[in-house]
Amino acid sequence: MPLYQNQTLKIYNSLSGEKETFTPIHDGNVGMYVCGPTVYSNVHLGNVRTFMSFDVIFRYLLHLGYKVRYVRNITDVGHIVDDVDEGEDKIAKKARLEQLEPMEVVQQYTVDFHDILHEFNFLPPSIEPTATGHIIEQIEIVKKIIDSGLVMKPMARYILT
């Protein structure tokens, strides 16, 4: 009998502000989607800390006996410098600076990311999709959001004089 059937797992719900009993949508199965790296530079300790947290959660759910589908994306396009709404893509900028093709940058730093996580003995995710592999789906989702009226209007910008 899986451990999860004999134990109660409590997690903090940031929406309610309370610890709540974890109950998966489908009994015995857990879906875990986490944001992966934007692959334009080498992994640093701060990145590793984030992925270590995900690895610990993944391992603990497996230990409890859950079947876990762990999805971690690779952002290989579309991440703007300085996290603003306009400007140059981080990968395109790195490619220009290193005189490489953007996908060469992506390949180099994706391999580095995997090598570092392997050094820390992290378990690989079940699935690791790339942003470029799902652009059509992203466009369709954005269209649905816009059509549903859920898009917030841009805030007015005020200039202090």
Protein backbone atom coordinates (compact mmCIF):
# COMPACT_ATOMS: atom_id res chain seq x y z
CA MET A 1 0.00 0.00 0.00
CA PRO A 2 1.45 3.41 -0.94
CA LEU A 3 2.48 5.64 1.96
CA TYR A 4 0.18 8.44 0.81
CA GLN A 5 -2.81 6.28 1.75
CA ASN A 6 -1.62 6.18 5.37
CA GLN A 7 -0.34 9.75 5.73
CA THR A 8 -1.72 13.24 5.36
CA LEU A 9 0.36 15.68 3.37
CA LYS A 10 -0.33 19.30 4.24
CA ILE A 11 0.74 22.16 1.99
CA TYR A 12 0.47 25.93 2.33
CA ASN A 13 -2.12 27.47 0.01
CA SER A 14 -0.94 31.01 -0.74
CA LEU A 15 -4.46 31.99 -1.91
CA SER A 16 -6.22 31.00 1.29
CA GLY A 17 -3.27 31.65 3.59
CA GLU A 18 -3.87 28.27 5.26
CA LYS A 19 -2.22 24.87 5.41
CA GLU A 20 -4.49 22.44 3.58
CA THR A 21 -4.59 18.70 3.07
CA PHE A 22 -3.10 17.80 -0.31
CA THR A 23 -5.52 15.84 -2.46
CA PRO A 24 -4.53 15.14 -6.06
CA ILE A 25 -7.13 15.65 -8.79
CA HIS A 26 -6.71 12.00 -9.82
CA ASP A 27 -6.18 9.53 -6.98
CA GLY A 28 -2.57 8.38 -6.78
CA ASN A 29 -1.40 10.67 -9.62
CA VAL A 30 0.24 14.07 -9.31
CA GLY A 31 1.01 16.54 -12.08
CA MET A 32 3.89 18.88 -11.34
CA TYR A 33 4.66 21.71 -13.81
CA VAL A 34 7.59 23.99 -13.05
CA CYS A 35 9.27 26.80 -14.93
CA GLY A 36 12.63 25.74 -16.24
CA PRO A 37 15.59 27.84 -17.27
CA THR A 38 15.91 30.46 -19.97
CA VAL A 39 18.98 29.02 -21.65
CA TYR A 40 21.23 31.98 -22.49
CA SER A 41 23.95 31.62 -19.83
CA ASN A 42 25.56 29.13 -17.48
CA VAL A 43 23.65 27.88 -14.48
CA HIS A 44 24.56 29.54 -11.17
CA LEU A 45 23.93 28.59 -7.56
CA GLY A 46 20.68 30.57 -7.39
CA ASN A 47 19.33 28.57 -10.34
CA VAL A 48 20.41 25.32 -8.72
CA ARG A 49 18.59 26.24 -5.48
CA THR A 50 15.33 26.63 -7.38
CA PHE A 51 15.66 23.28 -9.15
CA MET A 52 16.79 21.58 -5.95
CA SER A 53 13.49 22.59 -4.36
CA PHE A 54 11.58 21.05 -7.26
CA ASP A 55 13.72 17.90 -7.08
CA VAL A 56 13.04 17.47 -3.35
CA ILE A 57 9.28 17.85 -3.87
CA PHE A 58 9.37 15.40 -6.82
CA ARG A 59 11.34 12.82 -4.80
CA TYR A 60 9.07 13.20 -1.77
CA LEU A 61 5.92 12.66 -3.82
CA LEU A 62 7.54 9.57 -5.38
CA HIS A 63 8.56 8.35 -1.89
CA LEU A 64 4.94 8.65 -0.76
CA GLY A 65 3.96 6.37 -3.64
CA TYR A 66 2.39 8.85 -6.03
CA LYS A 67 2.82 8.45 -9.76
CA VAL A 68 4.24 11.86 -10.69
CA ARG A 69 4.30 13.51 -14.10
CA TYR A 70 6.99 16.15 -13.63
CA VAL A 71 7.12 18.70 -16.45
CA ARG A 72 9.88 21.31 -16.57
CA ASN A 73 9.99 23.65 -19.56
CA ILE A 74 13.01 25.05 -21.36
CA THR A 75 12.56 28.69 -22.40
CA ASP A 76 14.54 28.82 -25.62
CA VAL A 77 13.04 32.01 -27.08
CA GLY A 78 11.02 35.05 -26.12
CA HIS A 79 12.56 36.21 -22.86
CA ILE A 80 13.19 39.93 -23.16
CA VAL A 81 16.27 41.57 -21.64
CA ASP A 82 15.52 43.30 -18.30
CA ASP A 83 12.11 41.55 -18.15
CA VAL A 84 10.27 44.41 -19.87
CA ASP A 85 7.58 44.19 -22.54
CA GLU A 86 9.78 45.36 -25.39
CA GLY A 87 13.39 45.07 -26.37
CA GLU A 88 15.84 42.39 -27.34
CA ASP A 89 15.41 38.68 -26.65
CA LYS A 90 18.07 37.41 -24.19
CA ILE A 91 19.01 34.50 -26.43
CA ALA A 92 19.19 36.65 -29.57
CA LYS A 93 21.40 39.12 -27.70
CA LYS A 94 23.72 36.37 -26.46
CA ALA A 95 23.91 34.92 -30.00
CA ARG A 96 24.84 38.32 -31.41
CA LEU A 97 27.52 38.87 -28.73
CA GLU A 98 29.01 35.37 -29.17
CA GLN A 99 28.59 35.41 -32.99
CA LEU A 100 26.52 32.23 -32.93
CA GLU A 101 23.10 31.21 -34.18
CA PRO A 102 20.41 31.50 -31.46
CA MET A 103 19.81 27.74 -31.43
CA GLU A 104 23.55 27.17 -30.91
CA VAL A 105 23.28 29.29 -27.77
CA VAL A 106 20.21 27.31 -26.71
CA GLN A 107 21.97 23.98 -27.28
CA GLN A 108 25.14 25.03 -25.45
CA TYR A 109 23.36 26.28 -22.35
CA THR A 110 20.74 23.52 -22.28
CA VAL A 111 23.56 20.96 -22.22
CA ASP A 112 25.28 22.97 -19.46
CA PHE A 113 22.03 23.08 -17.47
CA HIS A 114 21.58 19.31 -17.71
CA ASP A 115 25.26 18.66 -16.87
CA ILE A 116 25.08 20.79 -13.71
CA LEU A 117 21.84 19.18 -12.51
CA HIS A 118 23.38 15.76 -13.19
CA GLU A 119 26.36 16.76 -11.01
CA PHE A 120 23.91 17.45 -8.17
CA ASN A 121 22.22 14.08 -8.82
CA PHE A 122 18.82 15.60 -9.61
CA LEU A 123 16.20 13.35 -11.13
CA PRO A 124 15.24 14.32 -14.68
CA PRO A 125 11.67 15.46 -15.32
CA SER A 126 9.16 13.18 -17.02
CA ILE A 127 8.77 15.69 -19.85
CA GLU A 128 10.88 18.73 -20.82
CA PRO A 129 9.16 20.75 -23.57
CA THR A 130 10.70 23.80 -25.20
CA ALA A 131 8.94 27.10 -25.78
CA THR A 132 9.74 26.96 -29.50
CA GLY A 133 8.13 23.54 -29.71
CA HIS A 134 4.78 24.96 -28.59
CA ILE A 135 4.44 28.43 -30.11
CA ILE A 136 1.22 27.53 -31.95
CA GLU A 137 -0.36 26.28 -28.72
CA GLN A 138 0.75 29.43 -26.88
CA ILE A 139 -0.80 31.64 -29.55
CA GLU A 140 -4.09 29.70 -29.32
CA ILE A 141 -4.17 30.01 -25.52
CA VAL A 142 -3.52 33.76 -25.72
CA LYS A 143 -6.34 34.10 -28.29
CA LYS A 144 -8.72 32.28 -25.90
CA ILE A 145 -7.69 34.55 -23.03
CA ILE A 146 -8.24 37.67 -25.15
CA ASP A 147 -11.58 36.37 -26.49
CA SER A 148 -12.77 35.62 -22.95
CA GLY A 149 -12.13 39.21 -21.87
CA LEU A 150 -9.66 38.18 -19.18
CA VAL A 151 -6.89 40.43 -20.48
CA MET A 152 -6.32 43.46 -18.30
CA LYS A 153 -6.07 46.79 -20.04
CA PRO A 154 -2.63 48.36 -19.77
CA MET A 155 -2.26 50.71 -16.87
CA ALA A 156 -1.95 54.35 -17.81
CA ARG A 157 1.56 55.67 -17.50
CA TYR A 158 1.98 58.87 -15.59
CA ILE A 159 4.95 61.18 -15.85
CA LEU A 160 5.76 63.10 -12.70
CA THR A 161 6.89 66.65 -13.35
